[in-house]
Amino acid sequence: MLNGFRSPVICDPRIVTACPEARSFEEDEVYVICDVEEVPPELRERAVRLVGECRHEHASEWAAIESVAQKLGIGTAQTLHNWVRREEVDSGRRPGVSSEMAAEMRKLRAENKELKRANEILKSASVFFAELDRQ
C-alpha cells in the first residue's frame, strides 16, 4: 500500500508537473497530489467531469467519486465529493451560495471591517482635536 492507495494511481503527467507540490513515484507510475490548495483547476474540472461521465457505471455516486479520486490521485474521495457539490451549487443544480457570491461577500466583509476601523480612527481624531480647541 503506497501513500494510502491500494494500487498505483495514474494521473496525467502534464497536470502533475503544473503543480509544484506534486510528488511522482515514476517507478510505480504513481502520482499523488500533496496539497489540496495546490491542485490545478484543470484537474478539479476533469475530476468533476469524470464523476458525471462514469456515474452510471457504479452503484452509487460515492462509488464513482471513490473510483475517480483513486484514478486521478486525489488525496481523499471526500475532497472530490466537495468539488462535485461545489460545481453543482455554482451551476445552479443544487441550492446554496455560489463560489462567486461567497468571494464577493468575503470582499465586502473585509471592506466593511476596514471602513469601520477607519471610522473609529476618525472619531478618535475628532475627539482629540476637539479637546485641543477647548484649551
N, C-alpha and C. Protein backbone atom coordinates (compact mmCIF):
# COMPACT_ATOMS: atom_id res chain seq x y z
N MET A 1 0.85 -1.17 0.00
CA MET A 1 0.00 0.00 0.00
C MET A 1 0.90 1.23 0.00
N LEU A 2 0.87 1.99 -1.07
CA LEU A 2 1.75 3.13 -1.26
C LEU A 2 0.95 4.42 -1.07
N ASN A 3 1.36 5.24 -0.11
CA ASN A 3 0.71 6.53 0.14
C ASN A 3 -0.80 6.40 0.34
N GLY A 4 -1.25 5.35 0.98
CA GLY A 4 -2.66 5.20 1.30
C GLY A 4 -3.50 4.63 0.17
N PHE A 5 -2.89 4.33 -0.98
CA PHE A 5 -3.64 3.79 -2.10
C PHE A 5 -3.37 2.30 -2.21
N ARG A 6 -4.38 1.54 -2.54
CA ARG A 6 -4.25 0.08 -2.66
C ARG A 6 -3.49 -0.32 -3.92
N SER A 7 -3.63 0.47 -4.99
CA SER A 7 -2.95 0.17 -6.24
C SER A 7 -2.36 1.45 -6.81
N PRO A 8 -1.44 1.34 -7.77
CA PRO A 8 -0.86 2.55 -8.35
C PRO A 8 -1.93 3.44 -8.95
N VAL A 9 -1.73 4.73 -8.81
CA VAL A 9 -2.67 5.71 -9.32
C VAL A 9 -1.99 6.43 -10.47
N ILE A 10 -2.62 6.42 -11.63
CA ILE A 10 -2.03 7.05 -12.80
C ILE A 10 -2.75 8.37 -13.03
N CYS A 11 -1.97 9.42 -13.13
CA CYS A 11 -2.53 10.75 -13.34
C CYS A 11 -1.84 11.37 -14.55
N ASP A 12 -2.48 12.26 -15.22
CA ASP A 12 -1.91 12.94 -16.37
C ASP A 12 -0.66 13.69 -15.94
N PRO A 13 0.52 13.34 -16.44
CA PRO A 13 1.76 14.00 -16.02
C PRO A 13 1.78 15.49 -16.28
N ARG A 14 1.05 15.96 -17.30
CA ARG A 14 1.02 17.41 -17.56
C ARG A 14 0.37 18.14 -16.40
N ILE A 15 -0.65 17.54 -15.81
CA ILE A 15 -1.31 18.16 -14.67
C ILE A 15 -0.40 18.10 -13.46
N VAL A 16 0.26 16.99 -13.27
CA VAL A 16 1.14 16.83 -12.12
C VAL A 16 2.29 17.82 -12.19
N THR A 17 2.88 18.02 -13.37
CA THR A 17 4.01 18.94 -13.47
C THR A 17 3.55 20.39 -13.31
N ALA A 18 2.28 20.68 -13.53
CA ALA A 18 1.77 22.02 -13.32
C ALA A 18 1.66 22.35 -11.84
N CYS A 19 1.75 21.34 -11.00
CA CYS A 19 1.63 21.51 -9.55
C CYS A 19 3.00 21.34 -8.91
N PRO A 20 3.61 22.43 -8.40
CA PRO A 20 4.94 22.31 -7.81
C PRO A 20 4.98 21.43 -6.58
N GLU A 21 3.84 21.24 -5.92
CA GLU A 21 3.79 20.43 -4.71
C GLU A 21 3.55 18.96 -5.00
N ALA A 22 3.42 18.60 -6.28
CA ALA A 22 3.12 17.21 -6.62
C ALA A 22 4.39 16.36 -6.50
N ARG A 23 4.20 15.14 -6.06
CA ARG A 23 5.31 14.18 -6.00
C ARG A 23 5.01 13.08 -6.99
N SER A 24 6.04 12.55 -7.60
CA SER A 24 5.80 11.42 -8.50
C SER A 24 6.67 10.25 -8.08
N PHE A 25 6.12 9.09 -8.20
CA PHE A 25 6.83 7.85 -7.95
C PHE A 25 6.88 7.13 -9.29
N GLU A 26 7.84 7.53 -10.14
CA GLU A 26 7.86 7.07 -11.52
C GLU A 26 8.02 5.56 -11.64
N GLU A 27 8.75 4.94 -10.71
CA GLU A 27 8.94 3.51 -10.84
C GLU A 27 7.61 2.76 -10.74
N ASP A 28 6.64 3.31 -10.06
CA ASP A 28 5.32 2.67 -9.94
C ASP A 28 4.26 3.38 -10.77
N GLU A 29 4.64 4.42 -11.51
CA GLU A 29 3.71 5.25 -12.25
C GLU A 29 2.61 5.80 -11.35
N VAL A 30 3.02 6.27 -10.19
CA VAL A 30 2.06 6.80 -9.24
C VAL A 30 2.32 8.28 -9.08
N TYR A 31 1.28 9.05 -9.20
CA TYR A 31 1.37 10.49 -8.99
C TYR A 31 0.37 10.85 -7.90
N VAL A 32 0.83 11.54 -6.91
CA VAL A 32 -0.06 11.90 -5.81
C VAL A 32 0.03 13.40 -5.60
N ILE A 33 -1.09 14.06 -5.63
CA ILE A 33 -1.13 15.48 -5.35
C ILE A 33 -1.06 15.65 -3.84
N CYS A 34 -0.13 16.48 -3.37
CA CYS A 34 0.14 16.57 -1.93
C CYS A 34 -0.78 17.55 -1.22
N ASP A 35 -1.01 18.70 -1.80
CA ASP A 35 -1.74 19.75 -1.11
C ASP A 35 -2.98 20.11 -1.91
N VAL A 36 -4.14 20.00 -1.30
CA VAL A 36 -5.39 20.25 -2.00
C VAL A 36 -5.44 21.67 -2.56
N GLU A 37 -4.88 22.61 -1.83
CA GLU A 37 -4.88 24.00 -2.30
C GLU A 37 -4.04 24.18 -3.55
N GLU A 38 -3.11 23.30 -3.80
CA GLU A 38 -2.23 23.40 -4.94
C GLU A 38 -2.74 22.64 -6.17
N VAL A 39 -3.88 22.03 -6.07
CA VAL A 39 -4.41 21.25 -7.19
C VAL A 39 -4.80 22.20 -8.32
N PRO A 40 -4.28 21.95 -9.52
CA PRO A 40 -4.61 22.82 -10.65
C PRO A 40 -6.10 22.77 -10.97
N PRO A 41 -6.66 23.88 -11.41
CA PRO A 41 -8.09 23.91 -11.76
C PRO A 41 -8.44 22.89 -12.84
N GLU A 42 -7.49 22.61 -13.74
CA GLU A 42 -7.75 21.63 -14.81
C GLU A 42 -8.05 20.25 -14.22
N LEU A 43 -7.32 19.88 -13.16
CA LEU A 43 -7.54 18.59 -12.53
C LEU A 43 -8.90 18.56 -11.84
N ARG A 44 -9.26 19.64 -11.16
CA ARG A 44 -10.57 19.70 -10.50
C ARG A 44 -11.69 19.53 -11.52
N GLU A 45 -11.59 20.31 -12.61
CA GLU A 45 -12.63 20.25 -13.65
C GLU A 45 -12.71 18.86 -14.27
N ARG A 46 -11.56 18.28 -14.55
CA ARG A 46 -11.52 16.95 -15.15
C ARG A 46 -12.12 15.91 -14.21
N ALA A 47 -11.77 15.99 -12.94
CA ALA A 47 -12.27 15.03 -11.96
C ALA A 47 -13.78 15.12 -11.83
N VAL A 48 -14.30 16.32 -11.75
CA VAL A 48 -15.76 16.51 -11.62
C VAL A 48 -16.46 15.99 -12.87
N ARG A 49 -15.89 16.28 -14.04
CA ARG A 49 -16.48 15.81 -15.30
C ARG A 49 -16.48 14.28 -15.35
N LEU A 50 -15.37 13.67 -14.92
CA LEU A 50 -15.29 12.21 -14.95
C LEU A 50 -16.30 11.56 -14.02
N VAL A 51 -16.56 12.18 -12.88
CA VAL A 51 -17.57 11.63 -11.96
C VAL A 51 -18.92 11.59 -12.66
N GLY A 52 -19.27 12.67 -13.34
CA GLY A 52 -20.54 12.71 -14.07
C GLY A 52 -20.60 11.69 -15.19
N GLU A 53 -19.47 11.51 -15.88
CA GLU A 53 -19.45 10.58 -17.01
C GLU A 53 -19.50 9.12 -16.59
N CYS A 54 -18.89 8.78 -15.45
CA CYS A 54 -18.84 7.37 -15.05
C CYS A 54 -19.84 7.03 -13.95
N ARG A 55 -20.73 7.95 -13.60
CA ARG A 55 -21.71 7.71 -12.55
C ARG A 55 -22.57 6.49 -12.84
N HIS A 56 -22.98 6.31 -14.08
CA HIS A 56 -23.86 5.19 -14.45
C HIS A 56 -23.16 3.83 -14.36
N GLU A 57 -21.83 3.82 -14.31
CA GLU A 57 -21.08 2.57 -14.24
C GLU A 57 -20.95 2.04 -12.81
N HIS A 58 -21.40 2.83 -11.84
CA HIS A 58 -21.23 2.46 -10.44
C HIS A 58 -22.59 2.40 -9.74
N ALA A 59 -22.61 1.71 -8.62
CA ALA A 59 -23.85 1.53 -7.87
C ALA A 59 -24.34 2.83 -7.24
N SER A 60 -23.41 3.73 -6.93
CA SER A 60 -23.79 5.00 -6.30
C SER A 60 -22.84 6.10 -6.75
N GLU A 61 -23.23 7.32 -6.48
CA GLU A 61 -22.36 8.44 -6.81
C GLU A 61 -21.07 8.36 -5.99
N TRP A 62 -21.17 7.95 -4.74
CA TRP A 62 -19.99 7.84 -3.89
C TRP A 62 -18.99 6.84 -4.46
N ALA A 63 -19.48 5.72 -4.98
CA ALA A 63 -18.59 4.72 -5.60
C ALA A 63 -17.88 5.33 -6.80
N ALA A 64 -18.59 6.11 -7.60
CA ALA A 64 -17.98 6.78 -8.75
C ALA A 64 -16.92 7.78 -8.29
N ILE A 65 -17.23 8.52 -7.24
CA ILE A 65 -16.29 9.51 -6.70
C ILE A 65 -15.03 8.82 -6.19
N GLU A 66 -15.20 7.72 -5.45
CA GLU A 66 -14.03 6.98 -4.95
C GLU A 66 -13.17 6.47 -6.08
N SER A 67 -13.81 5.96 -7.12
CA SER A 67 -13.08 5.41 -8.27
C SER A 67 -12.27 6.50 -8.97
N VAL A 68 -12.89 7.63 -9.25
CA VAL A 68 -12.22 8.73 -9.94
C VAL A 68 -11.11 9.31 -9.06
N ALA A 69 -11.38 9.47 -7.77
CA ALA A 69 -10.36 10.01 -6.86
C ALA A 69 -9.13 9.12 -6.85
N GLN A 70 -9.33 7.84 -6.83
CA GLN A 70 -8.19 6.91 -6.83
C GLN A 70 -7.44 6.97 -8.15
N LYS A 71 -8.16 6.99 -9.26
CA LYS A 71 -7.51 7.00 -10.58
C LYS A 71 -6.71 8.27 -10.82
N LEU A 72 -7.19 9.40 -10.30
CA LEU A 72 -6.51 10.68 -10.54
C LEU A 72 -5.53 11.06 -9.43
N GLY A 73 -5.47 10.27 -8.39
CA GLY A 73 -4.51 10.56 -7.32
C GLY A 73 -4.93 11.70 -6.41
N ILE A 74 -6.22 11.88 -6.27
CA ILE A 74 -6.74 12.90 -5.37
C ILE A 74 -6.72 12.31 -3.97
N GLY A 75 -6.16 13.03 -3.01
CA GLY A 75 -5.92 12.51 -1.67
C GLY A 75 -7.04 11.70 -1.07
N THR A 76 -8.24 12.26 -1.00
CA THR A 76 -9.37 11.54 -0.43
C THR A 76 -10.59 11.72 -1.33
N ALA A 77 -11.48 10.76 -1.24
CA ALA A 77 -12.72 10.84 -2.01
C ALA A 77 -13.57 12.02 -1.53
N GLN A 78 -13.46 12.35 -0.25
CA GLN A 78 -14.25 13.47 0.29
C GLN A 78 -13.87 14.78 -0.40
N THR A 79 -12.60 14.94 -0.73
CA THR A 79 -12.16 16.15 -1.45
C THR A 79 -12.89 16.26 -2.77
N LEU A 80 -12.90 15.18 -3.52
CA LEU A 80 -13.60 15.18 -4.81
C LEU A 80 -15.10 15.38 -4.61
N HIS A 81 -15.66 14.78 -3.58
CA HIS A 81 -17.08 14.95 -3.27
C HIS A 81 -17.39 16.44 -3.07
N ASN A 82 -16.51 17.13 -2.33
CA ASN A 82 -16.70 18.57 -2.10
C ASN A 82 -16.64 19.34 -3.41
N TRP A 83 -15.72 18.97 -4.31
CA TRP A 83 -15.61 19.64 -5.60
C TRP A 83 -16.88 19.43 -6.43
N VAL A 84 -17.41 18.22 -6.40
CA VAL A 84 -18.64 17.91 -7.15
C VAL A 84 -19.80 18.75 -6.61
N ARG A 85 -19.92 18.79 -5.29
CA ARG A 85 -21.02 19.58 -4.69
C ARG A 85 -20.85 21.07 -5.01
N ARG A 86 -19.63 21.58 -4.96
CA ARG A 86 -19.38 22.99 -5.26
C ARG A 86 -19.76 23.30 -6.70
N GLU A 87 -19.43 22.40 -7.63
CA GLU A 87 -19.77 22.61 -9.03
C GLU A 87 -21.28 22.59 -9.22
N GLU A 88 -21.97 21.72 -8.49
CA GLU A 88 -23.44 21.66 -8.59
C GLU A 88 -24.06 22.96 -8.09
N VAL A 89 -23.54 23.52 -7.02
CA VAL A 89 -24.05 24.79 -6.50
C VAL A 89 -23.75 25.92 -7.48
N ASP A 90 -22.51 25.96 -7.98
CA ASP A 90 -22.11 27.02 -8.91
C ASP A 90 -22.91 26.99 -10.20
N SER A 91 -23.30 25.79 -10.64
CA SER A 91 -24.07 25.68 -11.89
C SER A 91 -25.57 25.85 -11.67
N GLY A 92 -26.00 25.92 -10.41
CA GLY A 92 -27.41 26.13 -10.11
C GLY A 92 -28.23 24.86 -9.99
N ARG A 93 -27.60 23.68 -10.07
CA ARG A 93 -28.32 22.43 -9.95
C ARG A 93 -28.60 22.06 -8.50
N ARG A 94 -27.96 22.74 -7.57
CA ARG A 94 -28.13 22.47 -6.14
C ARG A 94 -28.23 23.83 -5.44
N PRO A 95 -29.12 23.95 -4.46
CA PRO A 95 -29.23 25.23 -3.76
C PRO A 95 -27.98 25.51 -2.91
N GLY A 96 -27.68 26.78 -2.75
CA GLY A 96 -26.54 27.17 -1.94
C GLY A 96 -25.92 28.45 -2.47
N VAL A 97 -24.90 28.91 -1.78
CA VAL A 97 -24.20 30.13 -2.16
C VAL A 97 -23.09 29.76 -3.13
N SER A 98 -23.10 30.39 -4.30
CA SER A 98 -22.10 30.08 -5.32
C SER A 98 -20.72 30.59 -4.88
N SER A 99 -19.69 30.06 -5.50
CA SER A 99 -18.32 30.47 -5.19
C SER A 99 -18.13 31.96 -5.46
N GLU A 100 -18.71 32.42 -6.56
CA GLU A 100 -18.61 33.84 -6.92
C GLU A 100 -19.26 34.72 -5.86
N MET A 101 -20.44 34.33 -5.42
CA MET A 101 -21.15 35.11 -4.41
C MET A 101 -20.40 35.08 -3.08
N ALA A 102 -19.85 33.92 -2.71
CA ALA A 102 -19.09 33.81 -1.46
C ALA A 102 -17.85 34.70 -1.50
N ALA A 103 -17.17 34.74 -2.65
CA ALA A 103 -15.99 35.60 -2.79
C ALA A 103 -16.38 37.07 -2.67
N GLU A 104 -17.49 37.44 -3.29
CA GLU A 104 -17.97 38.82 -3.21
C GLU A 104 -18.32 39.19 -1.76
N MET A 105 -18.97 38.26 -1.04
CA MET A 105 -19.32 38.52 0.36
C MET A 105 -18.06 38.68 1.22
N ARG A 106 -17.03 37.83 0.98
CA ARG A 106 -15.77 37.96 1.72
C ARG A 106 -15.14 39.32 1.47
N LYS A 107 -15.15 39.74 0.20
CA LYS A 107 -14.58 41.03 -0.16
C LYS A 107 -15.33 42.17 0.52
N LEU A 108 -16.65 42.13 0.50
CA LEU A 108 -17.45 43.18 1.12
C LEU A 108 -17.29 43.20 2.64
N ARG A 109 -17.19 42.03 3.26
CA ARG A 109 -16.97 41.98 4.72
C ARG A 109 -15.63 42.61 5.09
N ALA A 110 -14.59 42.29 4.30
CA ALA A 110 -13.27 42.88 4.56
C ALA A 110 -13.30 44.39 4.38
N GLU A 111 -13.98 44.84 3.34
CA GLU A 111 -14.10 46.27 3.09
C GLU A 111 -14.88 46.95 4.22
N ASN A 112 -15.95 46.32 4.67
CA ASN A 112 -16.75 46.85 5.77
C ASN A 112 -15.92 46.96 7.05
N LYS A 113 -15.13 45.93 7.32
CA LYS A 113 -14.27 45.92 8.51
C LYS A 113 -13.27 47.07 8.45
N GLU A 114 -12.67 47.26 7.27
CA GLU A 114 -11.70 48.35 7.11
C GLU A 114 -12.36 49.72 7.27
N LEU A 115 -13.55 49.88 6.73
CA LEU A 115 -14.27 51.15 6.86
C LEU A 115 -14.65 51.43 8.31
N LYS A 116 -15.07 50.40 9.04
CA LYS A 116 -15.37 50.58 10.47
C LYS A 116 -14.12 51.00 11.24
N ARG A 117 -13.00 50.36 10.90
CA ARG A 117 -11.73 50.70 11.55
C ARG A 117 -11.36 52.16 11.26
N ALA A 118 -11.49 52.57 10.01
CA ALA A 118 -11.18 53.96 9.63
C ALA A 118 -12.12 54.93 10.33
N ASN A 119 -13.38 54.54 10.46
CA ASN A 119 -14.36 55.39 11.14
C ASN A 119 -13.99 55.58 12.61
N GLU A 120 -13.55 54.53 13.27
CA GLU A 120 -13.13 54.62 14.67
C GLU A 120 -11.91 55.54 14.82
N ILE A 121 -10.98 55.43 13.88
CA ILE A 121 -9.80 56.30 13.91
C ILE A 121 -10.21 57.75 13.75
N LEU A 122 -11.13 58.02 12.83
CA LEU A 122 -11.60 59.39 12.61
C LEU A 122 -12.35 59.92 13.83
N LYS A 123 -13.14 59.08 14.48
CA LYS A 123 -13.84 59.51 15.71
C LYS A 123 -12.83 59.88 16.79
N SER A 124 -11.81 59.05 16.96
CA SER A 124 -10.79 59.33 17.97
C SER A 124 -10.05 60.61 17.65
N ALA A 125 -9.72 60.83 16.40
CA ALA A 125 -9.03 62.06 15.99
C ALA A 125 -9.92 63.27 16.22
N SER A 126 -11.20 63.12 15.93
CA SER A 126 -12.16 64.21 16.13
C SER A 126 -12.21 64.61 17.60
N VAL A 127 -12.29 63.63 18.49
CA VAL A 127 -12.32 63.89 19.93
C VAL A 127 -11.02 64.56 20.35
N PHE A 128 -9.89 64.07 19.87
CA PHE A 128 -8.58 64.63 20.22
C PHE A 128 -8.49 66.10 19.82
N PHE A 129 -8.86 66.43 18.57
CA PHE A 129 -8.77 67.81 18.10
C PHE A 129 -9.80 68.71 18.76
N ALA A 130 -10.96 68.17 19.12
CA ALA A 130 -11.97 68.95 19.83
C ALA A 130 -11.44 69.37 21.20
N GLU A 131 -10.71 68.46 21.86
CA GLU A 131 -10.12 68.78 23.16
C GLU A 131 -9.01 69.82 23.02
N LEU A 132 -8.25 69.76 21.94
CA LEU A 132 -7.20 70.74 21.71
C LEU A 132 -7.79 72.13 21.51
N ASP A 133 -8.91 72.21 20.80
CA ASP A 133 -9.55 73.51 20.53
C ASP A 133 -10.08 74.14 21.82
N ARG A 134 -10.49 73.32 22.77
CA ARG A 134 -11.03 73.84 24.05
C ARG A 134 -9.91 74.46 24.90
N GLN A 135 -8.70 74.02 24.71
CA GLN A 135 -7.61 74.50 25.55
C GLN A 135 -7.12 75.81 25.12
